[in-house]
Amino acid sequence: TGVQAAQVTINVSIGTPATPGFPTAQPEEVSPVYWDLHTTKRDQAEL
């Protein structure tokens, strides 16, 4: 239909860890995943 329904599952805390020792990432590390899903991986429902 030209409409994409998809989601990105984030398996880390963004910025400050929610729990000590839990993996973290910065927003600029996560954002390319959204861009890839939107531009080159439109056939996928989840990344």
ModelCIF file with pLDDT and N, C-alpha, C, O atoms, coordinates in Angstrom:
data_MODEL
#
_entry.id   MODEL 
#
_entity.id                         1 
_entity.type                       polymer 
_entity.pdbx_number_of_molecules   1 
#
_entity_poly.entity_id                      1 
_entity_poly.type                           'polypeptide(L)' 
_entity_poly.nstd_linkage                   no 
_entity_poly.nstd_monomer                   no 
_entity_poly.pdbx_seq_one_letter_code       TGVQAAQVTINVSIGTPATPGFPTAQPEEVSPVYWDLHTTKRDQAEL 
_entity_poly.pdbx_seq_one_letter_code_can   TGVQAAQVTINVSIGTPATPGFPTAQPEEVSPVYWDLHTTKRDQAEL 
_entity_poly.pdbx_strand_id                 A 
#
loop_
_entity_poly_seq.entity_id 
_entity_poly_seq.num 
_entity_poly_seq.mon_id 
_entity_poly_seq.hetero 
1 1  THR n 
1 2  GLY n 
1 3  VAL n 
1 4  GLN n 
1 5  ALA n 
1 6  ALA n 
1 7  GLN n 
1 8  VAL n 
1 9  THR n 
1 10 ILE n 
1 11 ASN n 
1 12 VAL n 
1 13 SER n 
1 14 ILE n 
1 15 GLY n 
1 16 THR n 
1 17 PRO n 
1 18 ALA n 
1 19 THR n 
1 20 PRO n 
1 21 GLY n 
1 22 PHE n 
1 23 PRO n 
1 24 THR n 
1 25 ALA n 
1 26 GLN n 
1 27 PRO n 
1 28 GLU n 
1 29 GLU n 
1 30 VAL n 
1 31 SER n 
1 32 PRO n 
1 33 VAL n 
1 34 TYR n 
1 35 TRP n 
1 36 ASP n 
1 37 LEU n 
1 38 HIS n 
1 39 THR n 
1 40 THR n 
1 41 LYS n 
1 42 ARG n 
1 43 ASP n 
1 44 GLN n 
1 45 ALA n 
1 46 GLU n 
1 47 LEU n 
#
_struct_asym.id          A 
_struct_asym.entity_id   1 
#
loop_
_ma_qa_metric.id 
_ma_qa_metric.mode 
_ma_qa_metric.name 
_ma_qa_metric.software_group_id 
_ma_qa_metric.type 
1 global pLDDT . pLDDT 
2 local  pLDDT . pLDDT 
#
_ma_qa_metric_global.metric_id      1 
_ma_qa_metric_global.metric_value   93.60 
_ma_qa_metric_global.model_id       1 
_ma_qa_metric_global.ordinal_id     1 
#
loop_
_ma_qa_metric_local.label_asym_id 
_ma_qa_metric_local.label_comp_id 
_ma_qa_metric_local.label_seq_id 
_ma_qa_metric_local.metric_id 
_ma_qa_metric_local.metric_value 
_ma_qa_metric_local.model_id 
_ma_qa_metric_local.ordinal_id 
A THR 1  2 95.00 1 1  
A GLY 2  2 92.00 1 2  
A VAL 3  2 94.00 1 3  
A GLN 4  2 93.00 1 4  
A ALA 5  2 95.00 1 5  
A ALA 6  2 96.00 1 6  
A GLN 7  2 96.00 1 7  
A VAL 8  2 96.00 1 8  
A THR 9  2 96.00 1 9  
A ILE 10 2 95.00 1 10 
A ASN 11 2 92.00 1 11 
A VAL 12 2 94.00 1 12 
A SER 13 2 93.00 1 13 
A ILE 14 2 94.00 1 14 
A GLY 15 2 91.00 1 15 
A THR 16 2 88.00 1 16 
A PRO 17 2 87.00 1 17 
A ALA 18 2 83.00 1 18 
A THR 19 2 88.00 1 19 
A PRO 20 2 89.00 1 20 
A GLY 21 2 88.00 1 21 
A PHE 22 2 91.00 1 22 
A PRO 23 2 93.00 1 23 
A THR 24 2 94.00 1 24 
A ALA 25 2 96.00 1 25 
A GLN 26 2 96.00 1 26 
A PRO 27 2 95.00 1 27 
A GLU 28 2 96.00 1 28 
A GLU 29 2 96.00 1 29 
A VAL 30 2 96.00 1 30 
A SER 31 2 96.00 1 31 
A PRO 32 2 96.00 1 32 
A VAL 33 2 95.00 1 33 
A TYR 34 2 95.00 1 34 
A TRP 35 2 96.00 1 35 
A ASP 36 2 95.00 1 36 
A LEU 37 2 94.00 1 37 
A HIS 38 2 93.00 1 38 
A THR 39 2 95.00 1 39 
A THR 40 2 95.00 1 40 
A LYS 41 2 95.00 1 41 
A ARG 42 2 93.00 1 42 
A ASP 43 2 93.00 1 43 
A GLN 44 2 94.00 1 44 
A ALA 45 2 95.00 1 45 
A GLU 46 2 96.00 1 46 
A LEU 47 2 95.00 1 47 
#
loop_
_atom_site.group_PDB 
_atom_site.id 
_atom_site.type_symbol 
_atom_site.label_atom_id 
_atom_site.label_alt_id 
_atom_site.label_comp_id 
_atom_site.label_asym_id 
_atom_site.label_entity_id 
_atom_site.label_seq_id 
_atom_site.pdbx_PDB_ins_code 
_atom_site.Cartn_x 
_atom_site.Cartn_y 
_atom_site.Cartn_z 
_atom_site.occupancy 
_atom_site.B_iso_or_equiv 
_atom_site.pdbx_formal_charge 
_atom_site.auth_seq_id 
_atom_site.auth_comp_id 
_atom_site.auth_asym_id 
_atom_site.auth_atom_id 
_atom_site.pdbx_PDB_model_num 
ATOM 1   N N  . THR A 1 1  ? 0.809  -1.218 0.000  1.00 95.00 ? 1  THR A N  1 
ATOM 2   C CA . THR A 1 1  ? 0.000  0.000  0.000  1.00 95.00 ? 1  THR A CA 1 
ATOM 3   C C  . THR A 1 1  ? 0.843  1.270  0.000  1.00 95.00 ? 1  THR A C  1 
ATOM 4   O O  . THR A 1 1  ? 0.324  2.365  -0.217 1.00 95.00 ? 1  THR A O  1 
ATOM 5   N N  . GLY A 1 2  ? 2.154  1.122  0.246  1.00 92.00 ? 2  GLY A N  1 
ATOM 6   C CA . GLY A 1 2  ? 3.015  2.296  0.360  1.00 92.00 ? 2  GLY A CA 1 
ATOM 7   C C  . GLY A 1 2  ? 3.110  2.819  1.785  1.00 92.00 ? 2  GLY A C  1 
ATOM 8   O O  . GLY A 1 2  ? 3.856  3.760  2.054  1.00 92.00 ? 2  GLY A O  1 
ATOM 9   N N  . VAL A 1 3  ? 2.359  2.215  2.698  1.00 94.00 ? 3  VAL A N  1 
ATOM 10  C CA . VAL A 1 3  ? 2.397  2.597  4.103  1.00 94.00 ? 3  VAL A CA 1 
ATOM 11  C C  . VAL A 1 3  ? 3.200  1.536  4.853  1.00 94.00 ? 3  VAL A C  1 
ATOM 12  O O  . VAL A 1 3  ? 2.987  0.338  4.666  1.00 94.00 ? 3  VAL A O  1 
ATOM 13  N N  . GLN A 1 4  ? 4.102  1.974  5.683  1.00 93.00 ? 4  GLN A N  1 
ATOM 14  C CA . GLN A 1 4  ? 4.930  1.044  6.448  1.00 93.00 ? 4  GLN A CA 1 
ATOM 15  C C  . GLN A 1 4  ? 4.564  1.099  7.922  1.00 93.00 ? 4  GLN A C  1 
ATOM 16  O O  . GLN A 1 4  ? 4.523  2.172  8.523  1.00 93.00 ? 4  GLN A O  1 
ATOM 17  N N  . ALA A 1 5  ? 4.301  -0.064 8.495  1.00 95.00 ? 5  ALA A N  1 
ATOM 18  C CA . ALA A 1 5  ? 4.099  -0.181 9.941  1.00 95.00 ? 5  ALA A CA 1 
ATOM 19  C C  . ALA A 1 5  ? 5.284  -0.980 10.462 1.00 95.00 ? 5  ALA A C  1 
ATOM 20  O O  . ALA A 1 5  ? 5.471  -2.137 10.086 1.00 95.00 ? 5  ALA A O  1 
ATOM 21  N N  . ALA A 1 6  ? 6.079  -0.367 11.320 1.00 96.00 ? 6  ALA A N  1 
ATOM 22  C CA . ALA A 1 6  ? 7.272  -1.033 11.822 1.00 96.00 ? 6  ALA A CA 1 
ATOM 23  C C  . ALA A 1 6  ? 7.653  -0.428 13.163 1.00 96.00 ? 6  ALA A C  1 
ATOM 24  O O  . ALA A 1 6  ? 7.166  0.633  13.555 1.00 96.00 ? 6  ALA A O  1 
ATOM 25  N N  . GLN A 1 7  ? 8.543  -1.137 13.856 1.00 96.00 ? 7  GLN A N  1 
ATOM 26  C CA . GLN A 1 7  ? 8.997  -0.635 15.154 1.00 96.00 ? 7  GLN A CA 1 
ATOM 27  C C  . GLN A 1 7  ? 10.474 -0.924 15.332 1.00 96.00 ? 7  GLN A C  1 
ATOM 28  O O  . GLN A 1 7  ? 11.030 -1.841 14.729 1.00 96.00 ? 7  GLN A O  1 
ATOM 29  N N  . VAL A 1 8  ? 11.089 -0.116 16.176 1.00 96.00 ? 8  VAL A N  1 
ATOM 30  C CA . VAL A 1 8  ? 12.469 -0.335 16.593 1.00 96.00 ? 8  VAL A CA 1 
ATOM 31  C C  . VAL A 1 8  ? 12.424 -0.687 18.074 1.00 96.00 ? 8  VAL A C  1 
ATOM 32  O O  . VAL A 1 8  ? 11.907 0.078  18.888 1.00 96.00 ? 8  VAL A O  1 
ATOM 33  N N  . THR A 1 9  ? 12.962 -1.832 18.410 1.00 96.00 ? 9  THR A N  1 
ATOM 34  C CA . THR A 1 9  ? 13.078 -2.240 19.803 1.00 96.00 ? 9  THR A CA 1 
ATOM 35  C C  . THR A 1 9  ? 14.451 -1.824 20.293 1.00 96.00 ? 9  THR A C  1 
ATOM 36  O O  . THR A 1 9  ? 15.461 -2.183 19.688 1.00 96.00 ? 9  THR A O  1 
ATOM 37  N N  . ILE A 1 10 ? 14.500 -1.073 21.378 1.00 95.00 ? 10 ILE A N  1 
ATOM 38  C CA . ILE A 1 10 ? 15.766 -0.565 21.914 1.00 95.00 ? 10 ILE A CA 1 
ATOM 39  C C  . ILE A 1 10 ? 16.075 -1.347 23.177 1.00 95.00 ? 10 ILE A C  1 
ATOM 40  O O  . ILE A 1 10 ? 15.333 -1.296 24.158 1.00 95.00 ? 10 ILE A O  1 
ATOM 41  N N  . ASN A 1 11 ? 17.171 -2.061 23.135 1.00 92.00 ? 11 ASN A N  1 
ATOM 42  C CA . ASN A 1 11 ? 17.553 -2.977 24.202 1.00 92.00 ? 11 ASN A CA 1 
ATOM 43  C C  . ASN A 1 11 ? 18.595 -2.383 25.145 1.00 92.00 ? 11 ASN A C  1 
ATOM 44  O O  . ASN A 1 11 ? 19.375 -3.120 25.749 1.00 92.00 ? 11 ASN A O  1 
ATOM 45  N N  . VAL A 1 12 ? 18.616 -1.069 25.276 1.00 94.00 ? 12 VAL A N  1 
ATOM 46  C CA . VAL A 1 12 ? 19.577 -0.367 26.132 1.00 94.00 ? 12 VAL A CA 1 
ATOM 47  C C  . VAL A 1 12 ? 18.892 0.838  26.763 1.00 94.00 ? 12 VAL A C  1 
ATOM 48  O O  . VAL A 1 12 ? 17.801 1.231  26.350 1.00 94.00 ? 12 VAL A O  1 
ATOM 49  N N  . SER A 1 13 ? 19.541 1.419  27.764 1.00 93.00 ? 13 SER A N  1 
ATOM 50  C CA . SER A 1 13 ? 19.097 2.721  28.276 1.00 93.00 ? 13 SER A CA 1 
ATOM 51  C C  . SER A 1 13 ? 19.678 3.790  27.362 1.00 93.00 ? 13 SER A C  1 
ATOM 52  O O  . SER A 1 13 ? 20.801 3.657  26.875 1.00 93.00 ? 13 SER A O  1 
ATOM 53  N N  . ILE A 1 14 ? 18.923 4.831  27.136 1.00 94.00 ? 14 ILE A N  1 
ATOM 54  C CA . ILE A 1 14 ? 19.424 5.933  26.320 1.00 94.00 ? 14 ILE A CA 1 
ATOM 55  C C  . ILE A 1 14 ? 19.918 7.017  27.263 1.00 94.00 ? 14 ILE A C  1 
ATOM 56  O O  . ILE A 1 14 ? 19.166 7.539  28.086 1.00 94.00 ? 14 ILE A O  1 
ATOM 57  N N  . GLY A 1 15 ? 21.203 7.347  27.124 1.00 91.00 ? 15 GLY A N  1 
ATOM 58  C CA . GLY A 1 15 ? 21.807 8.353  27.992 1.00 91.00 ? 15 GLY A CA 1 
ATOM 59  C C  . GLY A 1 15 ? 22.280 7.740  29.286 1.00 91.00 ? 15 GLY A C  1 
ATOM 60  O O  . GLY A 1 15 ? 23.247 6.979  29.296 1.00 91.00 ? 15 GLY A O  1 
ATOM 61  N N  . THR A 1 16 ? 21.614 8.060  30.381 1.00 88.00 ? 16 THR A N  1 
ATOM 62  C CA . THR A 1 16 ? 21.980 7.577  31.711 1.00 88.00 ? 16 THR A CA 1 
ATOM 63  C C  . THR A 1 16 ? 21.401 6.184  31.936 1.00 88.00 ? 16 THR A C  1 
ATOM 64  O O  . THR A 1 16 ? 20.234 5.953  31.619 1.00 88.00 ? 16 THR A O  1 
ATOM 65  N N  . PRO A 1 17 ? 22.183 5.249  32.473 1.00 87.00 ? 17 PRO A N  1 
ATOM 66  C CA . PRO A 1 17 ? 21.650 3.906  32.684 1.00 87.00 ? 17 PRO A CA 1 
ATOM 67  C C  . PRO A 1 17 ? 20.505 3.891  33.706 1.00 87.00 ? 17 PRO A C  1 
ATOM 68  O O  . PRO A 1 17 ? 20.568 4.563  34.736 1.00 87.00 ? 17 PRO A O  1 
ATOM 69  N N  . ALA A 1 18 ? 19.472 3.121  33.404 1.00 83.00 ? 18 ALA A N  1 
ATOM 70  C CA . ALA A 1 18 ? 18.339 2.987  34.325 1.00 83.00 ? 18 ALA A CA 1 
ATOM 71  C C  . ALA A 1 18 ? 18.735 2.155  35.539 1.00 83.00 ? 18 ALA A C  1 
ATOM 72  O O  . ALA A 1 18 ? 18.250 2.379  36.648 1.00 83.00 ? 18 ALA A O  1 
ATOM 73  N N  . THR A 1 19 ? 19.607 1.213  35.315 1.00 88.00 ? 19 THR A N  1 
ATOM 74  C CA . THR A 1 19 ? 20.110 0.334  36.365 1.00 88.00 ? 19 THR A CA 1 
ATOM 75  C C  . THR A 1 19 ? 21.631 0.318  36.262 1.00 88.00 ? 19 THR A C  1 
ATOM 76  O O  . THR A 1 19 ? 22.157 0.171  35.159 1.00 88.00 ? 19 THR A O  1 
ATOM 77  N N  . PRO A 1 20 ? 22.342 0.460  37.348 1.00 89.00 ? 20 PRO A N  1 
ATOM 78  C CA . PRO A 1 20 ? 23.800 0.427  37.271 1.00 89.00 ? 20 PRO A CA 1 
ATOM 79  C C  . PRO A 1 20 ? 24.298 -0.827 36.543 1.00 89.00 ? 20 PRO A C  1 
ATOM 80  O O  . PRO A 1 20 ? 23.880 -1.948 36.834 1.00 89.00 ? 20 PRO A O  1 
ATOM 81  N N  . GLY A 1 21 ? 25.195 -0.599 35.598 1.00 88.00 ? 21 GLY A N  1 
ATOM 82  C CA . GLY A 1 21 ? 25.749 -1.696 34.827 1.00 88.00 ? 21 GLY A CA 1 
ATOM 83  C C  . GLY A 1 21 ? 24.956 -2.073 33.588 1.00 88.00 ? 21 GLY A C  1 
ATOM 84  O O  . GLY A 1 21 ? 25.428 -2.860 32.768 1.00 88.00 ? 21 GLY A O  1 
ATOM 85  N N  . PHE A 1 22 ? 23.736 -1.515 33.439 1.00 91.00 ? 22 PHE A N  1 
ATOM 86  C CA . PHE A 1 22 ? 22.916 -1.810 32.257 1.00 91.00 ? 22 PHE A CA 1 
ATOM 87  C C  . PHE A 1 22 ? 23.510 -1.097 31.049 1.00 91.00 ? 22 PHE A C  1 
ATOM 88  O O  . PHE A 1 22 ? 23.956 0.043  31.182 1.00 91.00 ? 22 PHE A O  1 
ATOM 89  N N  . PRO A 1 23 ? 23.534 -1.724 29.876 1.00 93.00 ? 23 PRO A N  1 
ATOM 90  C CA . PRO A 1 23 ? 24.113 -1.086 28.694 1.00 93.00 ? 23 PRO A CA 1 
ATOM 91  C C  . PRO A 1 23 ? 23.413 0.225  28.345 1.00 93.00 ? 23 PRO A C  1 
ATOM 92  O O  . PRO A 1 23 ? 22.206 0.371  28.539 1.00 93.00 ? 23 PRO A O  1 
ATOM 93  N N  . THR A 1 24 ? 24.188 1.171  27.829 1.00 94.00 ? 24 THR A N  1 
ATOM 94  C CA . THR A 1 24 ? 23.641 2.467  27.425 1.00 94.00 ? 24 THR A CA 1 
ATOM 95  C C  . THR A 1 24 ? 24.071 2.795  26.005 1.00 94.00 ? 24 THR A C  1 
ATOM 96  O O  . THR A 1 24 ? 25.016 2.213  25.473 1.00 94.00 ? 24 THR A O  1 
ATOM 97  N N  . ALA A 1 25 ? 23.361 3.736  25.407 1.00 96.00 ? 25 ALA A N  1 
ATOM 98  C CA . ALA A 1 25 ? 23.702 4.264  24.092 1.00 96.00 ? 25 ALA A CA 1 
ATOM 99  C C  . ALA A 1 25 ? 23.255 5.713  24.050 1.00 96.00 ? 25 ALA A C  1 
ATOM 100 O O  . ALA A 1 25 ? 22.391 6.134  24.820 1.00 96.00 ? 25 ALA A O  1 
ATOM 101 N N  . GLN A 1 26 ? 23.838 6.451  23.164 1.00 96.00 ? 26 GLN A N  1 
ATOM 102 C CA . GLN A 1 26 ? 23.448 7.837  22.949 1.00 96.00 ? 26 GLN A CA 1 
ATOM 103 C C  . GLN A 1 26 ? 22.435 7.894  21.806 1.00 96.00 ? 26 GLN A C  1 
ATOM 104 O O  . GLN A 1 26 ? 22.426 7.013  20.946 1.00 96.00 ? 26 GLN A O  1 
ATOM 105 N N  . PRO A 1 27 ? 21.579 8.924  21.787 1.00 95.00 ? 27 PRO A N  1 
ATOM 106 C CA . PRO A 1 27 ? 20.568 9.025  20.726 1.00 95.00 ? 27 PRO A CA 1 
ATOM 107 C C  . PRO A 1 27 ? 21.167 8.956  19.324 1.00 95.00 ? 27 PRO A C  1 
ATOM 108 O O  . PRO A 1 27 ? 20.572 8.363  18.424 1.00 95.00 ? 27 PRO A O  1 
ATOM 109 N N  . GLU A 1 28 ? 22.330 9.555  19.135 1.00 96.00 ? 28 GLU A N  1 
ATOM 110 C CA . GLU A 1 28 ? 22.929 9.541  17.794 1.00 96.00 ? 28 GLU A CA 1 
ATOM 111 C C  . GLU A 1 28 ? 23.389 8.150  17.378 1.00 96.00 ? 28 GLU A C  1 
ATOM 112 O O  . GLU A 1 28 ? 23.645 7.914  16.197 1.00 96.00 ? 28 GLU A O  1 
ATOM 113 N N  . GLU A 1 29 ? 23.498 7.231  18.324 1.00 96.00 ? 29 GLU A N  1 
ATOM 114 C CA . GLU A 1 29 ? 23.814 5.842  17.989 1.00 96.00 ? 29 GLU A CA 1 
ATOM 115 C C  . GLU A 1 29 ? 22.557 5.066  17.587 1.00 96.00 ? 29 GLU A C  1 
ATOM 116 O O  . GLU A 1 29 ? 22.622 4.139  16.779 1.00 96.00 ? 29 GLU A O  1 
ATOM 117 N N  . VAL A 1 30 ? 21.434 5.448  18.147 1.00 96.00 ? 30 VAL A N  1 
ATOM 118 C CA . VAL A 1 30 ? 20.177 4.755  17.893 1.00 96.00 ? 30 VAL A CA 1 
ATOM 119 C C  . VAL A 1 30 ? 19.500 5.260  16.618 1.00 96.00 ? 30 VAL A C  1 
ATOM 120 O O  . VAL A 1 30 ? 18.893 4.474  15.890 1.00 96.00 ? 30 VAL A O  1 
ATOM 121 N N  . SER A 1 31 ? 19.596 6.535  16.347 1.00 96.00 ? 31 SER A N  1 
ATOM 122 C CA . SER A 1 31 ? 18.851 7.136  15.236 1.00 96.00 ? 31 SER A CA 1 
ATOM 123 C C  . SER A 1 31 ? 19.122 6.507  13.876 1.00 96.00 ? 31 SER A C  1 
ATOM 124 O O  . SER A 1 31 ? 18.188 6.437  13.076 1.00 96.00 ? 31 SER A O  1 
ATOM 125 N N  . PRO A 1 32 ? 20.332 6.042  13.550 1.00 96.00 ? 32 PRO A N  1 
ATOM 126 C CA . PRO A 1 32 ? 20.525 5.409  12.239 1.00 96.00 ? 32 PRO A CA 1 
ATOM 127 C C  . PRO A 1 32 ? 19.673 4.156  12.028 1.00 96.00 ? 32 PRO A C  1 
ATOM 128 O O  . PRO A 1 32 ? 19.346 3.816  10.891 1.00 96.00 ? 32 PRO A O  1 
ATOM 129 N N  . VAL A 1 33 ? 19.318 3.478  13.096 1.00 95.00 ? 33 VAL A N  1 
ATOM 130 C CA . VAL A 1 33 ? 18.468 2.293  12.972 1.00 95.00 ? 33 VAL A CA 1 
ATOM 131 C C  . VAL A 1 33 ? 17.089 2.699  12.445 1.00 95.00 ? 33 VAL A C  1 
ATOM 132 O O  . VAL A 1 33 ? 16.526 2.023  11.584 1.00 95.00 ? 33 VAL A O  1 
ATOM 133 N N  . TYR A 1 34 ? 16.552 3.801  12.964 1.00 95.00 ? 34 TYR A N  1 
ATOM 134 C CA . TYR A 1 34 ? 15.272 4.306  12.465 1.00 95.00 ? 34 TYR A CA 1 
ATOM 135 C C  . TYR A 1 34 ? 15.374 4.713  10.997 1.00 95.00 ? 34 TYR A C  1 
ATOM 136 O O  . TYR A 1 34 ? 14.480 4.428  10.201 1.00 95.00 ? 34 TYR A O  1 
ATOM 137 N N  . TRP A 1 35 ? 16.465 5.376  10.650 1.00 96.00 ? 35 TRP A N  1 
ATOM 138 C CA . TRP A 1 35 ? 16.649 5.822  9.268  1.00 96.00 ? 35 TRP A CA 1 
ATOM 139 C C  . TRP A 1 35 ? 16.747 4.626  8.332  1.00 96.00 ? 35 TRP A C  1 
ATOM 140 O O  . TRP A 1 35 ? 16.140 4.632  7.261  1.00 96.00 ? 35 TRP A O  1 
ATOM 141 N N  . ASP A 1 36 ? 17.503 3.601  8.718  1.00 95.00 ? 36 ASP A N  1 
ATOM 142 C CA . ASP A 1 36 ? 17.613 2.391  7.893  1.00 95.00 ? 36 ASP A CA 1 
ATOM 143 C C  . ASP A 1 36 ? 16.263 1.726  7.708  1.00 95.00 ? 36 ASP A C  1 
ATOM 144 O O  . ASP A 1 36 ? 15.929 1.295  6.604  1.00 95.00 ? 36 ASP A O  1 
ATOM 145 N N  . LEU A 1 37 ? 15.489 1.639  8.768  1.00 94.00 ? 37 LEU A N  1 
ATOM 146 C CA . LEU A 1 37 ? 14.168 1.027  8.686  1.00 94.00 ? 37 LEU A CA 1 
ATOM 147 C C  . LEU A 1 37 ? 13.265 1.811  7.735  1.00 94.00 ? 37 LEU A C  1 
ATOM 148 O O  . LEU A 1 37 ? 12.480 1.223  6.992  1.00 94.00 ? 37 LEU A O  1 
ATOM 149 N N  . HIS A 1 38 ? 13.377 3.115  7.760  1.00 93.00 ? 38 HIS A N  1 
ATOM 150 C CA . HIS A 1 38 ? 12.549 3.980  6.913  1.00 93.00 ? 38 HIS A CA 1 
ATOM 151 C C  . HIS A 1 38 ? 12.993 3.973  5.453  1.00 93.00 ? 38 HIS A C  1 
ATOM 152 O O  . HIS A 1 38 ? 12.157 4.025  4.551  1.00 93.00 ? 38 HIS A O  1 
ATOM 153 N N  . THR A 1 39 ? 14.300 3.910  5.214  1.00 95.00 ? 39 THR A N  1 
ATOM 154 C CA . THR A 1 39 ? 14.799 4.082  3.850  1.00 95.00 ? 39 THR A CA 1 
ATOM 155 C C  . THR A 1 39 ? 15.175 2.802  3.121  1.00 95.00 ? 39 THR A C  1 
ATOM 156 O O  . THR A 1 39 ? 14.872 2.665  1.936  1.00 95.00 ? 39 THR A O  1 
ATOM 157 N N  . THR A 1 40 ? 15.822 1.868  3.792  1.00 95.00 ? 40 THR A N  1 
ATOM 158 C CA . THR A 1 40 ? 16.346 0.705  3.061  1.00 95.00 ? 40 THR A CA 1 
ATOM 159 C C  . THR A 1 40 ? 15.784 -0.634 3.513  1.00 95.00 ? 40 THR A C  1 
ATOM 160 O O  . THR A 1 40 ? 15.982 -1.644 2.837  1.00 95.00 ? 40 THR A O  1 
ATOM 161 N N  . LYS A 1 41 ? 15.092 -0.659 4.634  1.00 95.00 ? 41 LYS A N  1 
ATOM 162 C CA . LYS A 1 41 ? 14.585 -1.929 5.154  1.00 95.00 ? 41 LYS A CA 1 
ATOM 163 C C  . LYS A 1 41 ? 13.073 -1.894 5.326  1.00 95.00 ? 41 LYS A C  1 
ATOM 164 O O  . LYS A 1 41 ? 12.532 -2.343 6.336  1.00 95.00 ? 41 LYS A O  1 
ATOM 165 N N  . ARG A 1 42 ? 12.405 -1.348 4.313  1.00 93.00 ? 42 ARG A N  1 
ATOM 166 C CA . ARG A 1 42 ? 10.962 -1.168 4.389  1.00 93.00 ? 42 ARG A CA 1 
ATOM 167 C C  . ARG A 1 42 ? 10.196 -2.485 4.373  1.00 93.00 ? 42 ARG A C  1 
ATOM 168 O O  . ARG A 1 42 ? 9.001  -2.517 4.668  1.00 93.00 ? 42 ARG A O  1 
ATOM 169 N N  . ASP A 1 43 ? 10.877 -3.563 4.030  1.00 93.00 ? 43 ASP A N  1 
ATOM 170 C CA . ASP A 1 43 ? 10.224 -4.868 4.021  1.00 93.00 ? 43 ASP A CA 1 
ATOM 171 C C  . ASP A 1 43 ? 10.220 -5.526 5.405  1.00 93.00 ? 43 ASP A C  1 
ATOM 172 O O  . ASP A 1 43 ? 9.641  -6.598 5.578  1.00 93.00 ? 43 ASP A O  1 
ATOM 173 N N  . GLN A 1 44 ? 10.856 -4.895 6.378  1.00 94.00 ? 44 GLN A N  1 
ATOM 174 C CA . GLN A 1 44 ? 10.943 -5.464 7.714  1.00 94.00 ? 44 GLN A CA 1 
ATOM 175 C C  . GLN A 1 44 ? 9.960  -4.778 8.663  1.00 94.00 ? 44 GLN A C  1 
ATOM 176 O O  . GLN A 1 44 ? 9.722  -3.573 8.570  1.00 94.00 ? 44 GLN A O  1 
ATOM 177 N N  . ALA A 1 45 ? 9.398  -5.564 9.572  1.00 95.00 ? 45 ALA A N  1 
ATOM 178 C CA . ALA A 1 45 ? 8.444  -5.028 10.544 1.00 95.00 ? 45 ALA A CA 1 
ATOM 179 C C  . ALA A 1 45 ? 9.122  -4.577 11.824 1.00 95.00 ? 45 ALA A C  1 
ATOM 180 O O  . ALA A 1 45 ? 8.551  -3.795 12.584 1.00 95.00 ? 45 ALA A O  1 
ATOM 181 N N  . GLU A 1 46 ? 10.347 -5.066 12.075 1.00 96.00 ? 46 GLU A N  1 
ATOM 182 C CA . GLU A 1 46 ? 11.013 -4.734 13.326 1.00 96.00 ? 46 GLU A CA 1 
ATOM 183 C C  . GLU A 1 46 ? 12.526 -4.802 13.169 1.00 96.00 ? 46 GLU A C  1 
ATOM 184 O O  . GLU A 1 46 ? 13.062 -5.684 12.498 1.00 96.00 ? 46 GLU A O  1 
ATOM 185 N N  . LEU A 1 47 ? 13.190 -3.859 13.796 1.00 95.00 ? 47 LEU A N  1 
ATOM 186 C CA . LEU A 1 47 ? 14.646 -3.900 13.960 1.00 95.00 ? 47 LEU A CA 1 
ATOM 187 C C  . LEU A 1 47 ? 14.934 -3.768 15.443 1.00 95.00 ? 47 LEU A C  1 
ATOM 188 O O  . LEU A 1 47 ? 16.096 -3.774 15.849 1.00 95.00 ? 47 LEU A O  1 
#
